[in-house]
PDB file of all heavy atoms in Angstrom:
ATOM      1  N   ASP A   1      -6.048  -9.033  -6.606  1.00  0.00           N
ATOM      2  CA  ASP A   1      -7.351  -9.453  -6.084  1.00  0.00           C
ATOM      3  C   ASP A   1      -8.442  -9.577  -7.116  1.00  0.00           C
ATOM      4  O   ASP A   1      -9.393 -10.291  -6.951  1.00  0.00           O
ATOM      5  CB  ASP A   1      -7.762  -8.482  -4.945  1.00  0.00           C
ATOM      6  CG  ASP A   1      -6.975  -8.644  -3.611  1.00  0.00           C
ATOM      7  OD1 ASP A   1      -6.330  -9.686  -3.495  1.00  0.00           O
ATOM      8  OD2 ASP A   1      -7.068  -7.651  -2.836  1.00  0.00           O
ATOM      9  N   ARG A   2      -8.280  -8.728  -8.225  1.00  0.00           N
ATOM     10  CA  ARG A   2      -9.216  -8.780  -9.230  1.00  0.00           C
ATOM     11  C   ARG A   2      -8.932  -9.786 -10.377  1.00  0.00           C
ATOM     12  O   ARG A   2      -9.550  -9.778 -11.431  1.00  0.00           O
ATOM     13  CB  ARG A   2      -9.327  -7.380  -9.922  1.00  0.00           C
ATOM     14  CG  ARG A   2      -9.763  -6.251  -8.912  1.00  0.00           C
ATOM     15  CD  ARG A   2     -11.241  -6.347  -8.691  1.00  0.00           C
ATOM     16  NE  ARG A   2     -11.731  -5.290  -7.795  1.00  0.00           N
ATOM     17  CZ  ARG A   2     -13.015  -4.914  -7.605  1.00  0.00           C
ATOM     18  NH1 ARG A   2     -13.949  -5.569  -8.250  1.00  0.00           N
ATOM     19  NH2 ARG A   2     -13.272  -4.002  -6.697  1.00  0.00           N
ATOM     20  N   GLY A   3      -7.880 -10.642 -10.113  1.00  0.00           N
ATOM     21  CA  GLY A   3      -7.553 -11.694 -11.125  1.00  0.00           C
ATOM     22  C   GLY A   3      -6.552 -11.284 -12.131  1.00  0.00           C
ATOM     23  O   GLY A   3      -6.309 -12.082 -13.127  1.00  0.00           O
ATOM     24  N   TRP A   4      -5.912 -10.117 -12.028  1.00  0.00           N
ATOM     25  CA  TRP A   4      -4.921  -9.682 -12.935  1.00  0.00           C
ATOM     26  C   TRP A   4      -3.584 -10.361 -12.725  1.00  0.00           C
ATOM     27  O   TRP A   4      -3.274 -10.734 -11.526  1.00  0.00           O
ATOM     28  CB  TRP A   4      -4.757  -8.205 -12.940  1.00  0.00           C
ATOM     29  CG  TRP A   4      -5.812  -7.395 -13.658  1.00  0.00           C
ATOM     30  CD1 TRP A   4      -7.101  -7.381 -13.319  1.00  0.00           C
ATOM     31  CD2 TRP A   4      -5.679  -6.595 -14.784  1.00  0.00           C
ATOM     32  NE1 TRP A   4      -7.838  -6.634 -14.220  1.00  0.00           N
ATOM     33  CE2 TRP A   4      -6.922  -6.108 -15.177  1.00  0.00           C
ATOM     34  CE3 TRP A   4      -4.516  -6.229 -15.560  1.00  0.00           C
ATOM     35  CZ2 TRP A   4      -7.144  -5.297 -16.281  1.00  0.00           C
ATOM     36  CZ3 TRP A   4      -4.734  -5.406 -16.615  1.00  0.00           C
ATOM     37  CH2 TRP A   4      -6.026  -4.958 -16.991  1.00  0.00           C
ATOM     38  N   GLU A   5      -2.761 -10.548 -13.771  1.00  0.00           N
ATOM     39  CA  GLU A   5      -1.356 -10.814 -13.680  1.00  0.00           C
ATOM     40  C   GLU A   5      -0.602  -9.488 -13.527  1.00  0.00           C
ATOM     41  O   GLU A   5      -0.849  -8.621 -14.287  1.00  0.00           O
ATOM     42  CB  GLU A   5      -0.898 -11.559 -14.880  1.00  0.00           C
ATOM     43  CG  GLU A   5      -1.519 -12.922 -15.091  1.00  0.00           C
ATOM     44  CD  GLU A   5      -0.927 -13.591 -16.330  1.00  0.00           C
ATOM     45  OE1 GLU A   5       0.253 -13.437 -16.647  1.00  0.00           O
ATOM     46  OE2 GLU A   5      -1.730 -14.288 -16.981  1.00  0.00           O
ATOM     47  N   VAL A   6       0.301  -9.442 -12.509  1.00  0.00           N
ATOM     48  CA  VAL A   6       0.932  -8.148 -12.172  1.00  0.00           C
ATOM     49  C   VAL A   6       2.394  -8.350 -12.058  1.00  0.00           C
ATOM     50  O   VAL A   6       2.908  -9.342 -11.455  1.00  0.00           O
ATOM     51  CB  VAL A   6       0.354  -7.594 -10.898  1.00  0.00           C
ATOM     52  CG1 VAL A   6       1.050  -6.242 -10.513  1.00  0.00           C
ATOM     53  CG2 VAL A   6      -1.137  -7.311 -10.983  1.00  0.00           C
ATOM     54  N   GLU A   7       3.168  -7.426 -12.633  1.00  0.00           N
ATOM     55  CA  GLU A   7       4.602  -7.339 -12.445  1.00  0.00           C
ATOM     56  C   GLU A   7       4.949  -5.924 -12.001  1.00  0.00           C
ATOM     57  O   GLU A   7       4.513  -4.976 -12.677  1.00  0.00           O
ATOM     58  CB  GLU A   7       5.325  -7.731 -13.715  1.00  0.00           C
ATOM     59  CG  GLU A   7       6.808  -7.648 -13.586  1.00  0.00           C
ATOM     60  CD  GLU A   7       7.571  -7.979 -14.846  1.00  0.00           C
ATOM     61  OE1 GLU A   7       7.230  -9.055 -15.424  1.00  0.00           O
ATOM     62  OE2 GLU A   7       8.422  -7.231 -15.294  1.00  0.00           O
ATOM     63  N   VAL A   8       5.646  -5.780 -10.876  1.00  0.00           N
ATOM     64  CA  VAL A   8       6.125  -4.473 -10.439  1.00  0.00           C
ATOM     65  C   VAL A   8       7.601  -4.359 -10.690  1.00  0.00           C
ATOM     66  O   VAL A   8       8.338  -5.298 -10.307  1.00  0.00           O
ATOM     67  CB  VAL A   8       5.746  -4.250  -8.950  1.00  0.00           C
ATOM     68  CG1 VAL A   8       6.262  -2.908  -8.464  1.00  0.00           C
ATOM     69  CG2 VAL A   8       4.250  -4.536  -8.694  1.00  0.00           C
ATOM     70  N   ARG A   9       8.006  -3.226 -11.252  1.00  0.00           N
ATOM     71  CA  ARG A   9       9.486  -3.035 -11.390  1.00  0.00           C
ATOM     72  C   ARG A   9       9.827  -1.782 -10.653  1.00  0.00           C
ATOM     73  O   ARG A   9       9.257  -0.758 -10.819  1.00  0.00           O
ATOM     74  CB  ARG A   9       9.790  -2.848 -12.906  1.00  0.00           C
ATOM     75  CG  ARG A   9       9.455  -4.096 -13.736  1.00  0.00           C
ATOM     76  CD  ARG A   9       9.967  -4.026 -15.175  1.00  0.00           C
ATOM     77  NE  ARG A   9       9.484  -5.153 -15.932  1.00  0.00           N
ATOM     78  CZ  ARG A   9       9.616  -5.289 -17.303  1.00  0.00           C
ATOM     79  NH1 ARG A   9      10.358  -4.283 -17.969  1.00  0.00           N
ATOM     80  NH2 ARG A   9       9.136  -6.257 -17.893  1.00  0.00           N
ATOM     81  N   GLU A  10      10.876  -1.951  -9.829  1.00  0.00           N
ATOM     82  CA  GLU A  10      11.361  -0.812  -8.950  1.00  0.00           C
ATOM     83  C   GLU A  10      12.841  -0.727  -9.076  1.00  0.00           C
ATOM     84  O   GLU A  10      13.557  -1.774  -8.955  1.00  0.00           O
ATOM     85  CB  GLU A  10      10.923  -1.130  -7.523  1.00  0.00           C
ATOM     86  CG  GLU A  10      11.577  -0.326  -6.464  1.00  0.00           C
ATOM     87  CD  GLU A  10      11.409   1.194  -6.668  1.00  0.00           C
ATOM     88  OE1 GLU A  10      10.271   1.643  -6.922  1.00  0.00           O
ATOM     89  OE2 GLU A  10      12.425   1.927  -6.634  1.00  0.00           O
ATOM     90  N   ARG A  11      13.320   0.521  -9.209  1.00  0.00           N
ATOM     91  CA  ARG A  11      14.803   0.672  -9.479  1.00  0.00           C
ATOM     92  C   ARG A  11      15.594   0.472  -8.191  1.00  0.00           C
ATOM     93  O   ARG A  11      16.790   0.215  -8.242  1.00  0.00           O
ATOM     94  CB  ARG A  11      15.039   2.001 -10.055  1.00  0.00           C
ATOM     95  CG  ARG A  11      14.626   3.215  -9.177  1.00  0.00           C
ATOM     96  CD  ARG A  11      14.734   4.547  -9.958  1.00  0.00           C
ATOM     97  NE  ARG A  11      14.386   5.674  -9.208  1.00  0.00           N
ATOM     98  CZ  ARG A  11      15.236   6.388  -8.456  1.00  0.00           C
ATOM     99  NH1 ARG A  11      16.480   6.049  -8.398  1.00  0.00           N
ATOM    100  NH2 ARG A  11      14.741   7.414  -7.790  1.00  0.00           N
ATOM    101  N   HIS A  12      14.955   0.689  -7.026  1.00  0.00           N
ATOM    102  CA  HIS A  12      15.687   0.536  -5.744  1.00  0.00           C
ATOM    103  C   HIS A  12      15.744  -0.978  -5.357  1.00  0.00           C
ATOM    104  O   HIS A  12      15.037  -1.812  -5.881  1.00  0.00           O
ATOM    105  CB  HIS A  12      15.035   1.318  -4.630  1.00  0.00           C
ATOM    106  CG  HIS A  12      15.121   2.741  -4.768  1.00  0.00           C
ATOM    107  ND1 HIS A  12      14.078   3.530  -5.295  1.00  0.00           N
ATOM    108  CD2 HIS A  12      16.138   3.607  -4.504  1.00  0.00           C
ATOM    109  CE1 HIS A  12      14.508   4.808  -5.305  1.00  0.00           C
ATOM    110  NE2 HIS A  12      15.739   4.858  -4.833  1.00  0.00           N
ATOM    111  N   ALA A  13      16.576  -1.281  -4.420  1.00  0.00           N
ATOM    112  CA  ALA A  13      16.798  -2.666  -3.986  1.00  0.00           C
ATOM    113  C   ALA A  13      15.742  -3.161  -3.024  1.00  0.00           C
ATOM    114  O   ALA A  13      15.602  -4.367  -2.791  1.00  0.00           O
ATOM    115  CB  ALA A  13      18.174  -2.794  -3.267  1.00  0.00           C
ATOM    116  N   GLY A  14      14.948  -2.276  -2.556  1.00  0.00           N
ATOM    117  CA  GLY A  14      13.785  -2.617  -1.658  1.00  0.00           C
ATOM    118  C   GLY A  14      12.825  -1.470  -1.641  1.00  0.00           C
ATOM    119  O   GLY A  14      13.017  -0.486  -2.319  1.00  0.00           O
ATOM    120  N   PRO A  15      11.757  -1.567  -0.803  1.00  0.00           N
ATOM    121  CA  PRO A  15      10.796  -0.507  -0.734  1.00  0.00           C
ATOM    122  C   PRO A  15      11.485   0.837  -0.426  1.00  0.00           C
ATOM    123  O   PRO A  15      12.195   0.953   0.597  1.00  0.00           O
ATOM    124  CB  PRO A  15       9.857  -0.935   0.376  1.00  0.00           C
ATOM    125  CG  PRO A  15       9.933  -2.374   0.427  1.00  0.00           C
ATOM    126  CD  PRO A  15      11.347  -2.684   0.023  1.00  0.00           C
ATOM    127  N   PRO A  16      11.269   1.825  -1.262  1.00  0.00           N
ATOM    128  CA  PRO A  16      11.926   3.127  -0.990  1.00  0.00           C
ATOM    129  C   PRO A  16      11.381   3.755   0.250  1.00  0.00           C
ATOM    130  O   PRO A  16      10.168   4.013   0.378  1.00  0.00           O
ATOM    131  CB  PRO A  16      11.573   3.967  -2.228  1.00  0.00           C
ATOM    132  CG  PRO A  16      10.354   3.350  -2.819  1.00  0.00           C
ATOM    133  CD  PRO A  16      10.473   1.850  -2.470  1.00  0.00           C
ATOM    134  N   ASP A  17      12.250   4.043   1.260  1.00  0.00           N
ATOM    135  CA  ASP A  17      11.781   4.496   2.554  1.00  0.00           C
ATOM    136  C   ASP A  17      12.566   5.705   2.929  1.00  0.00           C
ATOM    137  O   ASP A  17      13.755   5.649   3.125  1.00  0.00           O
ATOM    138  CB  ASP A  17      11.916   3.442   3.629  1.00  0.00           C
ATOM    139  CG  ASP A  17      11.472   3.866   4.980  1.00  0.00           C
ATOM    140  OD1 ASP A  17      10.797   4.896   5.015  1.00  0.00           O
ATOM    141  OD2 ASP A  17      11.863   3.249   5.992  1.00  0.00           O
ATOM    142  N   ILE A  18      11.891   6.847   2.992  1.00  0.00           N
ATOM    143  CA  ILE A  18      12.561   8.046   3.406  1.00  0.00           C
ATOM    144  C   ILE A  18      12.139   8.438   4.867  1.00  0.00           C
ATOM    145  O   ILE A  18      12.458   9.513   5.357  1.00  0.00           O
ATOM    146  CB  ILE A  18      12.184   9.250   2.530  1.00  0.00           C
ATOM    147  CG1 ILE A  18      10.652   9.478   2.464  1.00  0.00           C
ATOM    148  CG2 ILE A  18      12.724   9.089   1.133  1.00  0.00           C
ATOM    149  CD1 ILE A  18      10.243  10.717   1.704  1.00  0.00           C
ATOM    150  N   GLY A  19      11.507   7.427   5.555  1.00  0.00           N
ATOM    151  CA  GLY A  19      11.274   7.609   6.957  1.00  0.00           C
ATOM    152  C   GLY A  19      10.020   8.447   7.252  1.00  0.00           C
ATOM    153  O   GLY A  19       9.324   8.920   6.392  1.00  0.00           O
ATOM    154  N   GLY A  20       9.838   8.661   8.573  1.00  0.00           N
ATOM    155  CA  GLY A  20       8.727   9.613   8.988  1.00  0.00           C
ATOM    156  C   GLY A  20       7.431   8.914   9.092  1.00  0.00           C
ATOM    157  O   GLY A  20       7.281   7.696   8.777  1.00  0.00           O
ATOM    158  N   ALA A  21       6.463   9.692   9.494  1.00  0.00           N
ATOM    159  CA  ALA A  21       5.075   9.143   9.612  1.00  0.00           C
ATOM    160  C   ALA A  21       4.156   9.695   8.550  1.00  0.00           C
ATOM    161  O   ALA A  21       4.308  10.818   8.052  1.00  0.00           O
ATOM    162  CB  ALA A  21       4.560   9.517  11.057  1.00  0.00           C
ATOM    163  N   LEU A  22       3.129   8.918   8.288  1.00  0.00           N
ATOM    164  CA  LEU A  22       2.129   9.288   7.292  1.00  0.00           C
ATOM    165  C   LEU A  22       0.758   9.341   7.887  1.00  0.00           C
ATOM    166  O   LEU A  22       0.390   8.514   8.740  1.00  0.00           O
ATOM    167  CB  LEU A  22       2.112   8.302   6.056  1.00  0.00           C
ATOM    168  CG  LEU A  22       3.438   8.136   5.322  1.00  0.00           C
ATOM    169  CD1 LEU A  22       3.358   6.965   4.433  1.00  0.00           C
ATOM    170  CD2 LEU A  22       3.806   9.363   4.628  1.00  0.00           C
ATOM    171  N   GLY A  23      -0.066  10.306   7.539  1.00  0.00           N
ATOM    172  CA  GLY A  23      -1.434  10.441   8.037  1.00  0.00           C
ATOM    173  C   GLY A  23      -2.337   9.553   7.190  1.00  0.00           C
ATOM    174  O   GLY A  23      -2.463   9.772   6.012  1.00  0.00           O
ATOM    175  N   MET A  24      -2.977   8.567   7.835  1.00  0.00           N
ATOM    176  CA  MET A  24      -3.952   7.703   7.246  1.00  0.00           C
ATOM    177  C   MET A  24      -5.400   8.272   7.491  1.00  0.00           C
ATOM    178  O   MET A  24      -5.914   7.944   8.575  1.00  0.00           O
ATOM    179  CB  MET A  24      -3.825   6.283   7.678  1.00  0.00           C
ATOM    180  CG  MET A  24      -2.492   5.553   7.246  1.00  0.00           C
ATOM    181  SD  MET A  24      -2.370   5.270   5.438  1.00  0.00           S
ATOM    182  CE  MET A  24      -1.363   6.655   4.948  1.00  0.00           C
ATOM    183  N   TRP A  25      -5.869   9.164   6.723  1.00  0.00           N
ATOM    184  CA  TRP A  25      -7.190   9.739   6.880  1.00  0.00           C
ATOM    185  C   TRP A  25      -8.247   8.711   6.536  1.00  0.00           C
ATOM    186  O   TRP A  25      -7.942   7.679   5.923  1.00  0.00           O
ATOM    187  CB  TRP A  25      -7.340  10.964   6.063  1.00  0.00           C
ATOM    188  CG  TRP A  25      -6.359  12.103   6.495  1.00  0.00           C
ATOM    189  CD1 TRP A  25      -5.140  12.360   6.075  1.00  0.00           C
ATOM    190  CD2 TRP A  25      -6.709  13.101   7.494  1.00  0.00           C
ATOM    191  NE1 TRP A  25      -4.635  13.443   6.742  1.00  0.00           N
ATOM    192  CE2 TRP A  25      -5.499  13.835   7.663  1.00  0.00           C
ATOM    193  CE3 TRP A  25      -7.754  13.336   8.308  1.00  0.00           C
ATOM    194  CZ2 TRP A  25      -5.466  14.918   8.508  1.00  0.00           C
ATOM    195  CZ3 TRP A  25      -7.695  14.395   9.207  1.00  0.00           C
ATOM    196  CH2 TRP A  25      -6.561  15.167   9.310  1.00  0.00           C
ATOM    197  N   PRO A  26      -9.505   8.937   6.899  1.00  0.00           N
ATOM    198  CA  PRO A  26     -10.541   7.984   6.627  1.00  0.00           C
ATOM    199  C   PRO A  26     -10.570   7.477   5.190  1.00  0.00           C
ATOM    200  O   PRO A  26     -10.773   6.235   4.995  1.00  0.00           O
ATOM    201  CB  PRO A  26     -11.813   8.693   7.036  1.00  0.00           C
ATOM    202  CG  PRO A  26     -11.388   9.573   8.184  1.00  0.00           C
ATOM    203  CD  PRO A  26      -9.964  10.023   7.816  1.00  0.00           C
ATOM    204  N   PRO A  27     -10.441   8.301   4.121  1.00  0.00           N
ATOM    205  CA  PRO A  27     -10.419   7.784   2.769  1.00  0.00           C
ATOM    206  C   PRO A  27      -9.310   6.732   2.559  1.00  0.00           C
ATOM    207  O   PRO A  27      -9.474   5.789   1.813  1.00  0.00           O
ATOM    208  CB  PRO A  27     -10.250   9.007   1.913  1.00  0.00           C
ATOM    209  CG  PRO A  27     -10.709  10.130   2.800  1.00  0.00           C
ATOM    210  CD  PRO A  27     -10.317   9.832   4.153  1.00  0.00           C
ATOM    211  N   ALA A  28      -8.149   6.969   3.189  1.00  0.00           N
ATOM    212  CA  ALA A  28      -7.034   6.032   2.969  1.00  0.00           C
ATOM    213  C   ALA A  28      -7.367   4.715   3.662  1.00  0.00           C
ATOM    214  O   ALA A  28      -7.100   3.598   3.075  1.00  0.00           O
ATOM    215  CB  ALA A  28      -5.773   6.590   3.496  1.00  0.00           C
ATOM    216  N   LEU A  29      -7.912   4.786   4.855  1.00  0.00           N
ATOM    217  CA  LEU A  29      -8.268   3.554   5.565  1.00  0.00           C
ATOM    218  C   LEU A  29      -9.384   2.771   4.825  1.00  0.00           C
ATOM    219  O   LEU A  29      -9.391   1.568   4.784  1.00  0.00           O
ATOM    220  CB  LEU A  29      -8.701   3.853   6.984  1.00  0.00           C
ATOM    221  CG  LEU A  29      -7.534   4.341   7.869  1.00  0.00           C
ATOM    222  CD1 LEU A  29      -8.096   4.875   9.182  1.00  0.00           C
ATOM    223  CD2 LEU A  29      -6.503   3.296   8.127  1.00  0.00           C
ATOM    224  N   GLU A  30     -10.304   3.541   4.266  1.00  0.00           N
ATOM    225  CA  GLU A  30     -11.370   2.875   3.428  1.00  0.00           C
ATOM    226  C   GLU A  30     -10.755   2.156   2.203  1.00  0.00           C
ATOM    227  O   GLU A  30     -11.137   1.022   1.885  1.00  0.00           O
ATOM    228  CB  GLU A  30     -12.422   3.871   2.949  1.00  0.00           C
ATOM    229  CG  GLU A  30     -13.263   4.442   4.076  1.00  0.00           C
ATOM    230  CD  GLU A  30     -14.026   5.629   3.730  1.00  0.00           C
ATOM    231  OE1 GLU A  30     -14.093   5.953   2.508  1.00  0.00           O
ATOM    232  OE2 GLU A  30     -14.634   6.220   4.644  1.00  0.00           O
ATOM    233  N   ALA A  31      -9.756   2.822   1.537  1.00  0.00           N
ATOM    234  CA  ALA A  31      -9.055   2.185   0.464  1.00  0.00           C
ATOM    235  C   ALA A  31      -8.302   0.881   0.906  1.00  0.00           C
ATOM    236  O   ALA A  31      -8.320  -0.080   0.195  1.00  0.00           O
ATOM    237  CB  ALA A  31      -8.148   3.211  -0.192  1.00  0.00           C
ATOM    238  N   LEU A  32      -7.641   1.048   1.996  1.00  0.00           N
ATOM    239  CA  LEU A  32      -6.925  -0.139   2.566  1.00  0.00           C
ATOM    240  C   LEU A  32      -7.872  -1.272   2.907  1.00  0.00           C
ATOM    241  O   LEU A  32      -7.587  -2.478   2.663  1.00  0.00           O
ATOM    242  CB  LEU A  32      -6.124   0.302   3.792  1.00  0.00           C
ATOM    243  CG  LEU A  32      -4.906   1.098   3.459  1.00  0.00           C
ATOM    244  CD1 LEU A  32      -4.332   1.856   4.690  1.00  0.00           C
ATOM    245  CD2 LEU A  32      -3.772   0.269   2.900  1.00  0.00           C
ATOM    246  N   ASP A  33      -9.079  -0.878   3.405  1.00  0.00           N
ATOM    247  CA  ASP A  33     -10.049  -1.946   3.671  1.00  0.00           C
ATOM    248  C   ASP A  33     -10.450  -2.685   2.322  1.00  0.00           C
ATOM    249  O   ASP A  33     -10.660  -3.942   2.326  1.00  0.00           O
ATOM    250  CB  ASP A  33     -11.356  -1.384   4.262  1.00  0.00           C
ATOM    251  CG  ASP A  33     -11.128  -0.951   5.722  1.00  0.00           C
ATOM    252  OD1 ASP A  33     -10.264  -1.581   6.389  1.00  0.00           O
ATOM    253  OD2 ASP A  33     -11.860  -0.103   6.195  1.00  0.00           O
ATOM    254  N   ARG A  34     -10.600  -1.946   1.280  1.00  0.00           N
ATOM    255  CA  ARG A  34     -10.921  -2.576  -0.066  1.00  0.00           C
ATOM    256  C   ARG A  34      -9.774  -3.433  -0.483  1.00  0.00           C
ATOM    257  O   ARG A  34     -10.040  -4.390  -1.266  1.00  0.00           O
ATOM    258  CB  ARG A  34     -11.291  -1.485  -1.093  1.00  0.00           C
ATOM    259  CG  ARG A  34     -12.506  -0.717  -0.818  1.00  0.00           C
ATOM    260  CD  ARG A  34     -13.138  -0.131  -1.994  1.00  0.00           C
ATOM    261  NE  ARG A  34     -12.245   0.857  -2.630  1.00  0.00           N
ATOM    262  CZ  ARG A  34     -12.179   2.144  -2.347  1.00  0.00           C
ATOM    263  NH1 ARG A  34     -12.990   2.604  -1.367  1.00  0.00           N
ATOM    264  NH2 ARG A  34     -11.392   2.975  -3.005  1.00  0.00           N
ATOM    265  N   LEU A  35      -8.587  -3.202  -0.046  1.00  0.00           N
ATOM    266  CA  LEU A  35      -7.450  -4.020  -0.462  1.00  0.00           C
ATOM    267  C   LEU A  35      -7.186  -5.134   0.567  1.00  0.00           C
ATOM    268  O   LEU A  35      -6.283  -5.900   0.425  1.00  0.00           O
ATOM    269  CB  LEU A  35      -6.180  -3.142  -0.527  1.00  0.00           C
ATOM    270  CG  LEU A  35      -6.145  -1.985  -1.513  1.00  0.00           C
ATOM    271  CD1 LEU A  35      -4.930  -1.171  -1.416  1.00  0.00           C
ATOM    272  CD2 LEU A  35      -6.328  -2.543  -3.014  1.00  0.00           C
ATOM    273  N   GLY A  36      -8.038  -5.204   1.570  1.00  0.00           N
ATOM    274  CA  GLY A  36      -7.877  -6.236   2.588  1.00  0.00           C
ATOM    275  C   GLY A  36      -6.809  -5.973   3.599  1.00  0.00           C
ATOM    276  O   GLY A  36      -6.374  -6.900   4.324  1.00  0.00           O
ATOM    277  N   LEU A  37      -6.312  -4.773   3.694  1.00  0.00           N
ATOM    278  CA  LEU A  37      -5.167  -4.489   4.536  1.00  0.00           C
ATOM    279  C   LEU A  37      -5.516  -3.410   5.678  1.00  0.00           C
ATOM    280  O   LEU A  37      -4.617  -2.999   6.425  1.00  0.00           O
ATOM    281  CB  LEU A  37      -4.032  -3.869   3.688  1.00  0.00           C
ATOM    282  CG  LEU A  37      -3.567  -4.781   2.548  1.00  0.00           C
ATOM    283  CD1 LEU A  37      -2.517  -4.167   1.720  1.00  0.00           C
ATOM    284  CD2 LEU A  37      -3.009  -6.105   3.147  1.00  0.00           C
ATOM    285  N   GLY A  38      -6.755  -2.992   5.753  1.00  0.00           N
ATOM    286  CA  GLY A  38      -7.070  -1.998   6.697  1.00  0.00           C
ATOM    287  C   GLY A  38      -6.795  -2.370   8.167  1.00  0.00           C
ATOM    288  O   GLY A  38      -6.236  -1.600   8.946  1.00  0.00           O
ATOM    289  N   ASP A  39      -7.132  -3.563   8.564  1.00  0.00           N
ATOM    290  CA  ASP A  39      -6.900  -4.011   9.928  1.00  0.00           C
ATOM    291  C   ASP A  39      -5.448  -4.055  10.295  1.00  0.00           C
ATOM    292  O   ASP A  39      -5.014  -3.691  11.371  1.00  0.00           O
ATOM    293  CB  ASP A  39      -7.584  -5.350  10.143  1.00  0.00           C
ATOM    294  CG  ASP A  39      -9.114  -5.322  10.219  1.00  0.00           C
ATOM    295  OD1 ASP A  39      -9.645  -4.182  10.368  1.00  0.00           O
ATOM    296  OD2 ASP A  39      -9.744  -6.382  10.055  1.00  0.00           O
ATOM    297  N   ALA A  40      -4.601  -4.503   9.330  1.00  0.00           N
ATOM    298  CA  ALA A  40      -3.181  -4.569   9.564  1.00  0.00           C
ATOM    299  C   ALA A  40      -2.649  -3.153   9.778  1.00  0.00           C
ATOM    300  O   ALA A  40      -1.764  -2.978  10.679  1.00  0.00           O
ATOM    301  CB  ALA A  40      -2.459  -5.194   8.398  1.00  0.00           C
ATOM    302  N   VAL A  41      -3.077  -2.176   9.080  1.00  0.00           N
ATOM    303  CA  VAL A  41      -2.643  -0.822   9.225  1.00  0.00           C
ATOM    304  C   VAL A  41      -3.129  -0.217  10.505  1.00  0.00           C
ATOM    305  O   VAL A  41      -2.386   0.442  11.223  1.00  0.00           O
ATOM    306  CB  VAL A  41      -2.967   0.050   8.056  1.00  0.00           C
ATOM    307  CG1 VAL A  41      -2.623   1.473   8.217  1.00  0.00           C
ATOM    308  CG2 VAL A  41      -2.238  -0.458   6.798  1.00  0.00           C
TER     309      VAL A  41
END
């Protein structure tokens, strides 16, 4: 979003998922808003 070129390298075949639920406290939702993803979450 800030105009950077980005490459992500991950050793797993897809997003590492160990299951379960995560608590999205207000600071996390504010961070997601800054990333444009708050409403989706």
